[in-house]
């Protein structure tokens, strides 16, 4: 019987998001493809250091500790098969449960996302992430930062994922009003529409999937915890809360910060990844926790 991915949380991740390949990427950008290929082949036995998304992938393995395999991690890379040996050697070295891959040899990754039933795609390539978002797949552009220390030996008791609200979990409908008309108009719009659920954003389906996964575990032994970290505050908080209730979605912690910097709250939460649509939030956050920017869908 063929294996099906339909009932799993499928996470596609690029090799540069999972491992630190910034030096190798500079070789590609400055010296070209052939120099990059030669370097990777010459160093295929050299183990790569963990990249920004490594803690999340290591953490997601915890969901497969029981009888049911709930998560499938798939390498989705523009590498060709003959330059991927170093990646798979590193995967084996760290004991990561990754056995499937799409190695597209420089071609576009987006067409293969639906074939793998991908629920989340993480990459350090902005074009690939944009194409994933445009295809309706939750995707984040990994933010690398030298100040953030990534440990391969961290003991992870619980996965912690943090989301921004508007343009991430919810659509950017209300955010457009804020940008065009200002805070007062935004707050009035949200007050008048407090009982009208917000439209779904690019990460709504992912949050729903996570909520379904959470229901499989007892509260006292929950392997995954979520947080909403938004610049909204009262009175704009009510519509958010009612929307999540209408969706039947669980959010474990919610922070309505009213413009206060998000970074310290994300560190206190212990996020393994934070998704936000604005670089003004992801850049400072990436110094303290792994972060990914969610681009706007092109119309």
Protein backbone atom coordinates (compact mmCIF):
# COMPACT_ATOMS: atom_id res chain seq x y z
CA UNK A 1 0.00 0.00 0.00
CA UNK A 2 1.33 3.45 -0.92
CA UNK A 3 2.32 5.80 1.90
CA UNK A 4 0.01 8.80 2.27
CA UNK A 5 0.90 12.22 3.66
CA UNK A 6 -2.69 13.48 3.78
CA UNK A 7 -3.18 13.23 7.54
CA UNK A 8 0.22 14.52 8.63
CA UNK A 9 1.75 17.91 9.27
CA UNK A 10 4.22 18.06 6.38
CA UNK A 11 7.04 20.55 6.82
CA UNK A 12 9.21 21.31 3.82
CA UNK A 13 12.55 22.88 4.65
CA UNK A 14 15.44 24.04 2.51
CA UNK A 15 18.94 22.86 3.32
CA UNK A 16 20.05 26.48 3.99
CA UNK A 17 17.28 26.92 6.57
CA UNK A 18 18.12 23.65 8.34
CA UNK A 19 21.90 24.02 8.25
CA UNK A 20 24.36 26.90 8.26
CA UNK A 21 25.26 27.16 4.57
CA UNK A 22 25.90 30.89 4.42
CA UNK A 23 29.59 30.45 3.51
CA UNK A 24 28.70 27.99 0.77
CA UNK A 25 25.99 30.32 -0.50
CA UNK A 26 28.53 33.13 -0.81
CA UNK A 27 30.68 30.84 -2.94
CA UNK A 28 27.69 30.29 -5.21
CA UNK A 29 26.85 34.01 -5.42
CA UNK A 30 30.44 35.22 -5.89
CA UNK A 31 32.08 32.37 -7.84
CA UNK A 32 29.21 30.63 -9.56
CA UNK A 33 27.53 27.25 -9.66
CA UNK A 34 30.53 25.15 -10.65
CA UNK A 35 32.64 26.45 -7.76
CA UNK A 36 29.79 25.71 -5.37
CA UNK A 37 29.35 22.18 -6.72
CA UNK A 38 33.06 21.48 -6.45
CA UNK A 39 33.20 22.75 -2.86
CA UNK A 40 30.25 20.66 -1.72
CA UNK A 41 31.67 17.52 -3.29
CA UNK A 42 35.09 18.10 -1.75
CA UNK A 43 33.55 18.61 1.69
CA UNK A 44 30.78 16.02 1.64
CA UNK A 45 32.13 14.36 4.82
CA UNK A 46 32.27 17.67 6.72
CA UNK A 47 29.28 17.94 9.04
CA UNK A 48 27.31 21.17 8.68
CA UNK A 49 26.49 23.32 11.69
CA UNK A 50 22.84 23.74 12.68
CA UNK A 51 20.98 26.56 10.93
CA UNK A 52 18.27 28.90 12.17
CA UNK A 53 15.38 26.44 11.69
CA UNK A 54 17.25 23.49 13.24
CA UNK A 55 15.68 23.90 16.73
CA UNK A 56 12.16 23.79 15.27
CA UNK A 57 12.86 20.66 13.21
CA UNK A 58 14.52 18.95 16.18
CA UNK A 59 11.54 19.98 18.33
CA UNK A 60 8.96 18.68 15.83
CA UNK A 61 10.43 15.20 16.17
CA UNK A 62 8.85 15.14 19.63
CA UNK A 63 5.42 14.84 18.01
CA UNK A 64 6.43 11.46 16.60
CA UNK A 65 7.38 9.97 19.97
CA UNK A 66 4.05 8.16 20.29
CA UNK A 67 2.50 5.39 18.24
CA UNK A 68 1.27 7.71 15.48
CA UNK A 69 3.67 9.60 13.21
CA UNK A 70 2.10 13.05 13.08
CA UNK A 71 4.86 15.03 11.36
CA UNK A 72 6.82 14.48 8.16
CA UNK A 73 9.91 16.60 7.50
CA UNK A 74 11.02 16.84 3.87
CA UNK A 75 14.16 18.46 2.52
CA UNK A 76 13.20 20.70 -0.40
CA UNK A 77 16.33 22.01 -2.02
CA UNK A 78 17.56 23.51 -5.28
CA UNK A 79 20.62 21.31 -4.90
CA UNK A 80 21.05 18.44 -7.32
CA UNK A 81 21.29 14.85 -6.10
CA UNK A 82 25.08 14.68 -6.54
CA UNK A 83 25.67 17.67 -4.24
CA UNK A 84 23.25 16.58 -1.53
CA UNK A 85 25.43 13.95 0.14
CA UNK A 86 26.81 16.46 2.62
CA UNK A 87 23.26 17.41 3.62
CA UNK A 88 22.21 13.81 4.21
CA UNK A 89 25.45 13.03 6.06
CA UNK A 90 24.67 15.94 8.39
CA UNK A 91 21.07 14.78 8.85
CA UNK A 92 22.32 11.34 9.84
CA UNK A 93 24.97 12.81 12.16
CA UNK A 94 22.35 14.74 14.16
CA UNK A 95 19.91 11.84 14.22
CA UNK A 96 17.14 13.73 12.43
CA UNK A 97 14.21 11.68 11.21
CA UNK A 98 14.27 12.92 7.60
CA UNK A 99 14.15 10.39 4.80
CA UNK A 100 12.33 12.19 1.98
CA UNK A 101 13.64 14.94 -0.27
CA UNK A 102 12.89 16.97 -3.36
CA UNK A 103 16.18 17.93 -5.01
CA UNK A 104 15.19 20.04 -8.00
CA UNK A 105 18.59 20.96 -9.46
CA UNK A 106 17.99 24.71 -9.67
CA UNK A 107 14.35 24.52 -10.75
CA UNK A 108 11.36 26.00 -8.90
CA UNK A 109 10.26 24.26 -5.70
CA UNK A 110 6.70 25.64 -5.56
CA UNK A 111 5.15 23.14 -8.03
CA UNK A 112 6.10 20.25 -5.73
CA UNK A 113 4.62 21.68 -2.53
CA UNK A 114 1.10 20.45 -3.22
CA UNK A 115 2.37 17.04 -4.34
CA UNK A 116 3.91 16.58 -0.89
CA UNK A 117 0.79 18.01 0.84
CA UNK A 118 3.05 20.63 2.41
CA UNK A 119 1.56 22.48 5.39
CA UNK A 120 4.60 24.67 6.10
CA UNK A 121 7.59 25.64 3.97
CA UNK A 122 10.73 27.26 5.39
CA UNK A 123 13.54 28.61 3.27
CA UNK A 124 16.28 31.22 3.19
CA UNK A 125 15.43 31.99 -0.45
CA UNK A 126 12.94 34.86 -0.75
CA UNK A 127 11.77 33.92 -4.24
CA UNK A 128 10.92 30.36 -3.16
CA UNK A 129 9.03 31.61 -0.11
CA UNK A 130 7.09 34.16 -2.14
CA UNK A 131 6.07 31.50 -4.66
CA UNK A 132 4.92 29.22 -1.85
CA UNK A 133 2.77 31.98 -0.32
CA UNK A 134 1.31 32.76 -3.74
CA UNK A 135 0.46 29.06 -4.10
CA UNK A 136 -1.49 29.15 -0.83
CA UNK A 137 1.11 27.38 1.34
CA UNK A 138 2.15 28.76 4.74
CA UNK A 139 5.77 29.80 4.25
CA UNK A 140 8.42 31.80 6.05
CA UNK A 141 11.70 33.42 5.01
CA UNK A 142 14.22 32.35 7.63
CA UNK A 143 16.08 35.26 9.24
CA UNK A 144 19.69 34.41 9.98
CA UNK A 145 21.51 36.39 12.67
CA UNK A 146 25.05 35.98 13.96
CA UNK A 147 23.98 36.93 17.51
CA UNK A 148 21.71 33.90 17.78
CA UNK A 149 23.48 30.78 19.02
CA UNK A 150 21.98 27.55 17.71
CA UNK A 151 22.72 24.46 19.77
CA UNK A 152 22.44 20.94 18.41
CA UNK A 153 22.41 19.52 21.95
CA UNK A 154 19.49 21.47 23.43
CA UNK A 155 17.01 19.26 25.27
CA UNK A 156 13.53 20.12 24.04
CA UNK A 157 10.60 19.26 26.29
CA UNK A 158 7.95 21.18 24.38
CA UNK A 159 7.68 22.75 20.92
CA UNK A 160 6.95 26.47 21.12
CA UNK A 161 5.66 28.35 18.06
CA UNK A 162 4.72 32.05 18.06
CA UNK A 163 2.63 33.86 15.46
CA UNK A 164 1.81 37.44 14.64
CA UNK A 165 -1.88 38.04 13.94
CA UNK A 166 -2.70 40.29 10.98
CA UNK A 167 -1.28 39.12 7.63
CA UNK A 168 -0.10 35.86 9.26
CA UNK A 169 -2.89 33.98 11.07
CA UNK A 170 -5.50 36.45 9.78
CA UNK A 171 -5.69 38.22 6.45
CA UNK A 172 -4.20 41.69 5.98
CA UNK A 173 -7.67 43.25 5.57
CA UNK A 174 -7.53 45.16 8.86
CA UNK A 175 -3.83 45.98 8.54
CA UNK A 176 -4.54 47.75 5.25
CA UNK A 177 -7.00 50.01 7.04
CA UNK A 178 -4.36 50.82 9.67
CA UNK A 179 -1.75 51.65 7.01
CA UNK A 180 -4.13 53.73 4.90
CA UNK A 181 -6.20 55.52 7.55
CA UNK A 182 -4.29 55.28 10.83
CA UNK A 183 -4.76 53.77 14.27
CA UNK A 184 -8.03 55.50 15.18
CA UNK A 185 -9.77 54.29 12.00
CA UNK A 186 -8.36 50.80 12.53
CA UNK A 187 -9.62 50.57 16.11
CA UNK A 188 -13.05 51.88 15.13
CA UNK A 189 -13.29 49.34 12.29
CA UNK A 190 -12.36 46.49 14.63
CA UNK A 191 -14.82 47.67 17.28
CA UNK A 192 -17.66 47.77 14.78
CA UNK A 193 -16.73 44.33 13.42
CA UNK A 194 -15.86 42.70 16.75
CA UNK A 195 -18.36 39.87 16.24
CA UNK A 196 -17.45 39.29 12.59
CA UNK A 197 -14.64 36.69 12.29
CA UNK A 198 -11.51 37.90 10.57
CA UNK A 199 -10.74 36.32 7.18
CA UNK A 200 -8.12 33.58 7.19
CA UNK A 201 -4.50 34.48 6.59
CA UNK A 202 -1.70 32.33 5.14
CA UNK A 203 -1.05 30.54 8.46
CA UNK A 204 -4.67 29.92 9.49
CA UNK A 205 -4.69 26.38 8.15
CA UNK A 206 -1.38 25.58 9.86
CA UNK A 207 -2.66 26.87 13.19
CA UNK A 208 -5.80 24.75 12.77
CA UNK A 209 -3.66 21.68 12.04
CA UNK A 210 -1.56 22.33 15.15
CA UNK A 211 -4.73 22.72 17.21
CA UNK A 212 -5.97 19.33 15.96
CA UNK A 213 -2.61 17.78 16.89
CA UNK A 214 -2.85 19.26 20.38
CA UNK A 215 -6.21 17.56 20.93
CA UNK A 216 -4.50 14.17 20.61
CA UNK A 217 -2.53 14.76 23.82
CA UNK A 218 -3.51 15.25 27.47
CA UNK A 219 -3.15 18.81 28.74
CA UNK A 220 -0.57 17.81 31.37
CA UNK A 221 1.67 16.25 28.71
CA UNK A 222 1.24 18.66 25.81
CA UNK A 223 4.23 18.47 23.42
CA UNK A 224 3.42 21.69 21.54
CA UNK A 225 2.46 25.18 22.73
CA UNK A 226 1.44 28.20 20.67
CA UNK A 227 1.41 31.93 21.25
CA UNK A 228 -0.15 34.90 19.52
CA UNK A 229 2.14 37.93 19.74
CA UNK A 230 0.43 40.92 18.18
CA UNK A 231 0.76 44.69 18.15
CA UNK A 232 -3.01 44.91 18.66
CA UNK A 233 -4.42 46.02 22.01
CA UNK A 234 -7.86 46.87 23.40
CA UNK A 235 -10.35 47.45 21.84
CA UNK A 236 -8.95 45.59 18.80
CA UNK A 237 -8.33 42.45 20.86
CA UNK A 238 -11.98 41.33 20.97
CA UNK A 239 -12.28 40.49 17.27
CA UNK A 240 -9.15 38.33 17.44
CA UNK A 241 -10.42 36.34 20.42
CA UNK A 242 -13.86 35.84 18.89
CA UNK A 243 -12.33 34.77 15.57
CA UNK A 244 -10.26 32.04 17.19
CA UNK A 245 -13.30 30.89 19.12
CA UNK A 246 -15.35 30.77 15.91
CA UNK A 247 -12.63 28.71 14.23
CA UNK A 248 -12.48 26.32 17.18
CA UNK A 249 -8.74 26.93 17.36
CA UNK A 250 -6.64 26.77 20.47
CA UNK A 251 -4.02 29.44 21.29
CA UNK A 252 -2.18 28.76 24.54
CA UNK A 253 -0.83 32.24 25.20
CA UNK A 254 -1.79 35.64 23.76
CA UNK A 255 0.08 38.92 24.05
CA UNK A 256 -1.67 42.14 22.97
CA UNK A 257 1.29 44.50 23.08
CA UNK A 258 -0.03 47.74 21.58
CA UNK A 259 3.25 48.54 19.86
CA UNK A 260 5.62 47.35 22.60
CA UNK A 261 8.68 45.54 21.20
CA UNK A 262 7.94 41.84 20.77
CA UNK A 263 11.45 40.41 21.19
CA UNK A 264 11.59 40.10 24.98
CA UNK A 265 8.21 38.39 25.11
CA UNK A 266 9.32 35.89 22.46
CA UNK A 267 12.46 35.12 24.45
CA UNK A 268 10.41 34.65 27.63
CA UNK A 269 8.03 32.35 25.74
CA UNK A 270 11.03 30.37 24.48
CA UNK A 271 9.92 30.34 20.85
CA UNK A 272 11.52 27.79 18.54
CA UNK A 273 10.18 29.92 15.68
CA UNK A 274 8.32 33.22 15.35
CA UNK A 275 6.35 34.19 12.25
CA UNK A 276 5.65 37.85 11.43
CA UNK A 277 4.95 39.77 8.23
CA UNK A 278 7.15 42.77 9.05
CA UNK A 279 10.94 42.92 9.10
CA UNK A 280 10.72 45.60 11.81
CA UNK A 281 9.61 42.76 14.11
CA UNK A 282 11.50 39.75 12.72
CA UNK A 283 14.90 41.44 12.59
CA UNK A 284 15.17 42.31 16.31
CA UNK A 285 13.44 39.05 17.26
CA UNK A 286 15.97 37.03 15.23
CA UNK A 287 18.73 38.15 17.62
CA UNK A 288 17.01 36.25 20.44
CA UNK A 289 14.89 33.47 18.87
CA UNK A 290 14.59 31.84 15.44
CA UNK A 291 12.32 34.03 13.29
CA UNK A 292 10.82 33.96 9.81
CA UNK A 293 9.20 36.72 7.78
CA UNK A 294 5.92 35.96 6.00
CA UNK A 295 5.68 37.86 2.68
CA UNK A 296 2.43 39.30 1.41
CA UNK A 297 0.62 37.29 -1.23
CA UNK A 298 0.90 38.88 -4.67
CA UNK A 299 -2.47 39.56 -6.24
